[in-house]
């Protein structure tokens, strides 16, 4: 990104320093991501890494025994938990709880973080529900959920670094009906999508997550294997703002917003609205991801 304005340069440098100081992902999480990218990885390979980390082991067992999966019998074996959950789900649990542990505790005067994460969970749940409607394989559906959960990460450093200015961004959006991304650009010279990309690059997140963070407001500009994921996250974002589930600064979408995004997909807005009951149930179940993330904060603190 080329920046010419001096004030913007100073803000961007401050933001870059903030992101540079953010803690790296733990060795365990990095190793989990690494081995899960190998096509021949087995549950036993993952067990060898996770079993050395008592916190992550506890999180995996807490997840498998939560209402999110509603299994009839309690699972106490880590290897069995990994087999049942699948490598992708365990990888995404490790990633999401590490990120929530790192950024979930951040506070600002502008964004309420409980509302922020409620919004994010709704977006993830809707993205996964749409992937299910599209008959995308179940293990990959978890990637859609995590992409939705993390899509707005770039807002956290902005609201934390520039709390007063970010309050102005939210005021522009709420009072004037201005697009949030445009309001950010007008005040900062850059937006949360660019900041999200910077975070993804620092943490070496997958290409699918990086592109979701960078392009979830511009799914029409993405012509790649990740387009469905980015588009479904965009629809989830519309849905969360439409129903006011949580709050991450976005305005209530108008008919033009909805028509444009839905026109990029195979779905109709009515198809999305019929998922309301399912989405609300899944949101309740998915609170486990926030719970283990907050526990990660306590353990890290």
Protein backbone atom coordinates (compact mmCIF):
# COMPACT_ATOMS: atom_id res chain seq x y z
CA UNK A 1 0.00 0.00 0.00
CA UNK A 2 1.42 3.39 -1.05
CA UNK A 3 0.94 6.19 1.46
CA UNK A 4 1.69 9.83 0.59
CA UNK A 5 -0.01 11.87 3.34
CA UNK A 6 2.30 12.56 6.31
CA UNK A 7 -0.41 12.08 8.97
CA UNK A 8 -1.39 8.80 7.39
CA UNK A 9 2.25 7.71 7.32
CA UNK A 10 2.61 8.44 11.04
CA UNK A 11 -0.57 6.54 11.88
CA UNK A 12 0.44 3.62 9.70
CA UNK A 13 3.90 3.47 11.34
CA UNK A 14 2.24 3.44 14.77
CA UNK A 15 -0.06 0.64 13.64
CA UNK A 16 2.88 -1.34 12.22
CA UNK A 17 4.76 -1.02 15.53
CA UNK A 18 1.65 -2.24 17.38
CA UNK A 19 1.37 -5.31 15.17
CA UNK A 20 5.10 -5.98 15.36
CA UNK A 21 4.82 -6.03 19.17
CA UNK A 22 1.91 -8.47 19.12
CA UNK A 23 3.01 -11.86 20.49
CA UNK A 24 3.71 -14.55 17.94
CA UNK A 25 1.63 -17.69 17.95
CA UNK A 26 2.97 -20.27 20.38
CA UNK A 27 5.40 -22.96 19.25
CA UNK A 28 2.68 -25.58 19.76
CA UNK A 29 0.12 -23.75 17.61
CA UNK A 30 2.71 -23.07 14.92
CA UNK A 31 3.65 -26.76 14.90
CA UNK A 32 -0.02 -27.80 14.74
CA UNK A 33 -0.59 -25.54 11.71
CA UNK A 34 2.57 -26.83 10.08
CA UNK A 35 1.86 -30.55 10.40
CA UNK A 36 -1.82 -30.13 9.45
CA UNK A 37 -0.68 -28.69 6.13
CA UNK A 38 1.00 -32.01 5.29
CA UNK A 39 -1.33 -34.27 3.29
CA UNK A 40 -0.24 -37.45 5.13
CA UNK A 41 -0.65 -36.16 8.68
CA UNK A 42 -2.37 -38.66 10.99
CA UNK A 43 -4.25 -38.12 14.29
CA UNK A 44 -1.28 -39.73 16.04
CA UNK A 45 1.08 -37.11 14.60
CA UNK A 46 -1.15 -34.36 15.99
CA UNK A 47 -1.50 -36.16 19.32
CA UNK A 48 2.29 -36.17 19.77
CA UNK A 49 2.39 -32.37 19.47
CA UNK A 50 -0.75 -31.47 21.43
CA UNK A 51 -0.12 -33.91 24.29
CA UNK A 52 2.97 -31.85 25.23
CA UNK A 53 0.74 -28.81 25.80
CA UNK A 54 -1.63 -29.30 28.77
CA UNK A 55 -3.64 -26.15 27.99
CA UNK A 56 -4.35 -27.10 24.38
CA UNK A 57 -5.06 -30.70 25.43
CA UNK A 58 -7.67 -29.39 27.87
CA UNK A 59 -9.20 -27.17 25.19
CA UNK A 60 -9.55 -30.06 22.73
CA UNK A 61 -11.24 -32.24 25.37
CA UNK A 62 -13.47 -29.36 26.47
CA UNK A 63 -14.57 -28.81 22.88
CA UNK A 64 -15.31 -32.47 22.12
CA UNK A 65 -17.38 -32.76 25.32
CA UNK A 66 -19.26 -29.46 24.80
CA UNK A 67 -22.81 -28.83 23.59
CA UNK A 68 -21.29 -27.90 20.25
CA UNK A 69 -20.94 -31.64 19.53
CA UNK A 70 -23.46 -33.11 22.02
CA UNK A 71 -21.89 -36.57 22.10
CA UNK A 72 -23.71 -39.19 24.21
CA UNK A 73 -20.57 -40.31 26.10
CA UNK A 74 -17.72 -38.26 27.55
CA UNK A 75 -14.43 -38.48 25.65
CA UNK A 76 -11.29 -38.61 27.81
CA UNK A 77 -8.72 -39.78 25.26
CA UNK A 78 -6.92 -37.03 23.32
CA UNK A 79 -6.29 -39.31 20.34
CA UNK A 80 -9.97 -40.30 20.18
CA UNK A 81 -10.97 -36.64 20.44
CA UNK A 82 -8.69 -35.79 17.50
CA UNK A 83 -10.14 -38.66 15.44
CA UNK A 84 -13.74 -37.58 16.14
CA UNK A 85 -13.12 -33.86 15.64
CA UNK A 86 -10.88 -34.25 12.61
CA UNK A 87 -7.54 -32.60 11.92
CA UNK A 88 -9.09 -29.41 10.50
CA UNK A 89 -11.28 -28.77 13.52
CA UNK A 90 -8.40 -29.31 15.96
CA UNK A 91 -6.17 -27.06 13.88
CA UNK A 92 -8.84 -24.35 13.84
CA UNK A 93 -9.49 -24.69 17.57
CA UNK A 94 -5.77 -24.22 18.26
CA UNK A 95 -5.66 -21.22 15.95
CA UNK A 96 -8.84 -19.51 17.14
CA UNK A 97 -8.12 -19.90 20.85
CA UNK A 98 -4.55 -18.64 20.38
CA UNK A 99 -5.82 -15.56 18.55
CA UNK A 100 -8.62 -14.94 21.04
CA UNK A 101 -6.04 -15.31 23.80
CA UNK A 102 -3.83 -12.71 22.14
CA UNK A 103 -6.40 -10.18 20.93
CA UNK A 104 -9.58 -11.08 22.80
CA UNK A 105 -8.53 -9.21 25.93
CA UNK A 106 -7.97 -5.92 24.09
CA UNK A 107 -10.32 -3.13 25.09
CA UNK A 108 -11.08 0.33 23.77
CA UNK A 109 -13.60 3.05 24.41
CA UNK A 110 -15.04 2.58 20.94
CA UNK A 111 -15.70 -1.16 20.47
CA UNK A 112 -17.38 -3.39 23.04
CA UNK A 113 -15.43 -6.64 22.68
CA UNK A 114 -18.22 -8.91 23.90
CA UNK A 115 -20.49 -7.47 21.20
CA UNK A 116 -17.63 -7.67 18.69
CA UNK A 117 -17.09 -11.40 19.25
CA UNK A 118 -20.85 -12.09 19.25
CA UNK A 119 -20.99 -10.50 15.79
CA UNK A 120 -17.96 -12.52 14.69
CA UNK A 121 -19.44 -15.83 15.89
CA UNK A 122 -22.68 -15.11 14.01
CA UNK A 123 -20.75 -14.43 10.80
CA UNK A 124 -18.79 -17.67 11.22
CA UNK A 125 -21.92 -19.71 11.92
CA UNK A 126 -23.71 -18.30 8.86
CA UNK A 127 -20.68 -18.87 6.61
CA UNK A 128 -20.58 -22.49 7.76
CA UNK A 129 -24.36 -22.90 7.29
CA UNK A 130 -24.09 -21.64 3.71
CA UNK A 131 -21.17 -24.00 3.08
CA UNK A 132 -23.41 -26.82 4.29
CA UNK A 133 -26.18 -25.73 1.88
CA UNK A 134 -23.59 -25.73 -0.89
CA UNK A 135 -22.74 -29.35 0.10
CA UNK A 136 -19.14 -28.48 0.89
CA UNK A 137 -17.54 -31.39 2.85
CA UNK A 138 -18.03 -31.16 6.61
CA UNK A 139 -14.31 -30.91 7.56
CA UNK A 140 -13.90 -27.92 5.22
CA UNK A 141 -17.01 -26.26 6.66
CA UNK A 142 -15.00 -25.64 9.84
CA UNK A 143 -12.65 -23.46 7.78
CA UNK A 144 -15.65 -21.31 6.82
CA UNK A 145 -16.58 -20.92 10.48
CA UNK A 146 -13.05 -19.85 11.49
CA UNK A 147 -12.81 -17.45 8.54
CA UNK A 148 -16.03 -15.79 9.72
CA UNK A 149 -14.94 -15.79 13.35
CA UNK A 150 -11.68 -13.99 12.49
CA UNK A 151 -12.82 -11.78 9.57
CA UNK A 152 -12.84 -8.49 11.53
CA UNK A 153 -9.54 -8.94 13.41
CA UNK A 154 -8.15 -5.82 11.73
CA UNK A 155 -10.58 -3.61 13.68
CA UNK A 156 -8.98 -4.50 17.02
CA UNK A 157 -5.59 -2.78 16.50
CA UNK A 158 -7.34 0.23 14.94
CA UNK A 159 -9.74 0.69 17.86
CA UNK A 160 -6.97 -0.04 20.37
CA UNK A 161 -4.31 2.24 18.82
CA UNK A 162 -6.62 5.08 17.84
CA UNK A 163 -9.57 4.83 20.21
CA UNK A 164 -10.80 8.43 19.85
CA UNK A 165 -10.44 8.38 16.07
CA UNK A 166 -12.18 5.02 15.84
CA UNK A 167 -15.07 6.45 17.84
CA UNK A 168 -15.31 9.08 15.06
CA UNK A 169 -15.39 6.27 12.49
CA UNK A 170 -18.31 4.63 14.29
CA UNK A 171 -20.09 7.98 14.60
CA UNK A 172 -19.75 8.57 10.83
CA UNK A 173 -21.18 5.12 10.20
CA UNK A 174 -24.03 5.35 12.68
CA UNK A 175 -25.13 8.95 12.14
CA UNK A 176 -24.47 9.41 8.45
CA UNK A 177 -25.02 5.85 7.23
CA UNK A 178 -21.50 5.87 5.84
CA UNK A 179 -19.86 2.58 4.92
CA UNK A 180 -17.52 1.57 7.77
CA UNK A 181 -14.61 0.74 5.50
CA UNK A 182 -14.96 4.11 3.74
CA UNK A 183 -15.19 5.91 7.09
CA UNK A 184 -11.97 4.22 8.24
CA UNK A 185 -10.19 5.24 5.05
CA UNK A 186 -11.41 8.83 5.31
CA UNK A 187 -10.01 9.18 8.84
CA UNK A 188 -6.94 6.91 8.81
CA UNK A 189 -6.02 6.58 5.14
CA UNK A 190 -6.32 2.78 5.47
CA UNK A 191 -8.92 0.33 6.78
CA UNK A 192 -9.44 -2.80 8.86
CA UNK A 193 -9.07 -5.05 5.82
CA UNK A 194 -5.51 -3.85 5.26
CA UNK A 195 -4.81 -4.19 8.99
CA UNK A 196 -6.26 -7.71 8.96
CA UNK A 197 -3.91 -8.65 6.14
CA UNK A 198 -0.96 -7.36 8.20
CA UNK A 199 -2.00 -9.54 11.15
CA UNK A 200 -2.44 -12.59 8.90
CA UNK A 201 1.02 -12.05 7.44
CA UNK A 202 2.62 -11.66 10.88
CA UNK A 203 1.05 -14.88 12.12
CA UNK A 204 1.56 -16.71 8.79
CA UNK A 205 -2.12 -17.65 8.63
CA UNK A 206 -3.46 -19.69 5.73
CA UNK A 207 -4.11 -18.02 2.38
CA UNK A 208 -7.84 -18.57 2.83
CA UNK A 209 -7.89 -16.67 6.15
CA UNK A 210 -5.60 -13.93 4.86
CA UNK A 211 -7.77 -13.32 1.81
CA UNK A 212 -10.94 -13.36 3.90
CA UNK A 213 -9.53 -10.73 6.25
CA UNK A 214 -8.41 -8.63 3.28
CA UNK A 215 -11.38 -8.98 0.91
CA UNK A 216 -14.56 -9.74 2.87
CA UNK A 217 -15.93 -6.34 1.81
CA UNK A 218 -14.91 -6.93 -1.80
CA UNK A 219 -15.81 -10.54 -2.66
CA UNK A 220 -16.44 -9.48 -6.26
CA UNK A 221 -12.72 -8.70 -6.68
CA UNK A 222 -11.60 -12.22 -5.75
CA UNK A 223 -11.29 -14.79 -8.50
CA UNK A 224 -9.75 -17.74 -6.70
CA UNK A 225 -10.45 -21.03 -4.99
CA UNK A 226 -11.35 -19.05 -1.85
CA UNK A 227 -14.15 -17.02 -3.40
CA UNK A 228 -16.98 -19.06 -1.87
CA UNK A 229 -15.46 -18.69 1.59
CA UNK A 230 -15.02 -14.93 1.24
CA UNK A 231 -18.49 -14.52 -0.26
CA UNK A 232 -20.20 -16.58 2.44
CA UNK A 233 -18.41 -14.55 5.13
CA UNK A 234 -19.65 -11.37 3.39
CA UNK A 235 -23.21 -12.72 3.45
CA UNK A 236 -22.77 -13.67 7.12
CA UNK A 237 -21.64 -10.12 7.82
CA UNK A 238 -24.77 -8.74 6.11
CA UNK A 239 -26.93 -11.14 8.11
CA UNK A 240 -25.37 -10.23 11.48
CA UNK A 241 -25.75 -6.50 10.77
CA UNK A 242 -29.29 -6.96 9.44
CA UNK A 243 -30.41 -8.79 12.61
CA UNK A 244 -28.16 -6.68 14.89
CA UNK A 245 -26.51 -9.79 16.35
CA UNK A 246 -23.53 -8.41 18.22
CA UNK A 247 -21.90 -5.23 16.95
CA UNK A 248 -18.61 -4.60 15.17
CA UNK A 249 -19.29 -1.14 13.76
CA UNK A 250 -21.08 -2.06 10.55
CA UNK A 251 -24.28 -0.29 9.54
CA UNK A 252 -27.59 -2.05 8.93
CA UNK A 253 -27.50 -3.11 5.26
CA UNK A 254 -29.96 -1.57 2.84
CA UNK A 255 -31.64 -3.36 -0.07
CA UNK A 256 -28.89 -2.27 -2.49
CA UNK A 257 -26.19 -3.75 -0.24
CA UNK A 258 -28.09 -7.03 0.02
CA UNK A 259 -28.94 -7.17 -3.69
CA UNK A 260 -25.32 -6.59 -4.70
CA UNK A 261 -23.77 -9.27 -2.46
CA UNK A 262 -26.49 -11.84 -3.05
CA UNK A 263 -26.15 -11.27 -6.79
CA UNK A 264 -22.64 -12.73 -6.55
CA UNK A 265 -23.94 -15.98 -5.06
CA UNK A 266 -26.25 -18.86 -5.97
CA UNK A 267 -28.48 -18.02 -3.01
CA UNK A 268 -31.39 -15.65 -2.52
CA UNK A 269 -31.72 -13.46 0.58
CA UNK A 270 -34.85 -15.45 1.44
CA UNK A 271 -32.67 -18.62 1.54
CA UNK A 272 -30.42 -16.91 4.10
CA UNK A 273 -33.31 -15.76 6.27
CA UNK A 274 -34.74 -19.29 6.44
CA UNK A 275 -31.58 -20.32 8.31
CA UNK A 276 -32.40 -18.04 11.25
CA UNK A 277 -33.42 -20.72 13.75
CA UNK A 278 -30.49 -22.98 12.85
CA UNK A 279 -28.05 -20.08 13.07
CA UNK A 280 -29.29 -18.99 16.50
CA UNK A 281 -28.92 -22.53 17.85
CA UNK A 282 -25.42 -22.84 16.39
CA UNK A 283 -24.44 -19.43 17.80
CA UNK A 284 -25.34 -20.66 21.28
CA UNK A 285 -23.27 -23.81 20.79
CA UNK A 286 -20.32 -21.95 19.28
CA UNK A 287 -19.90 -19.82 22.42
CA UNK A 288 -17.48 -22.59 23.48
CA UNK A 289 -14.89 -21.03 21.17
CA UNK A 290 -15.14 -17.74 23.09
CA UNK A 291 -15.08 -19.57 26.41
CA UNK A 292 -11.88 -21.47 25.72
CA UNK A 293 -10.38 -18.33 24.21
CA UNK A 294 -11.04 -16.40 27.41
CA UNK A 295 -9.53 -19.25 29.40
CA UNK A 296 -6.47 -18.89 27.19
CA UNK A 297 -6.28 -15.23 28.23
CA UNK A 298 -6.34 -16.22 31.90
CA UNK A 299 -3.67 -18.86 31.40
CA UNK A 300 -1.51 -16.41 29.44
CA UNK A 301 -1.97 -13.70 32.07
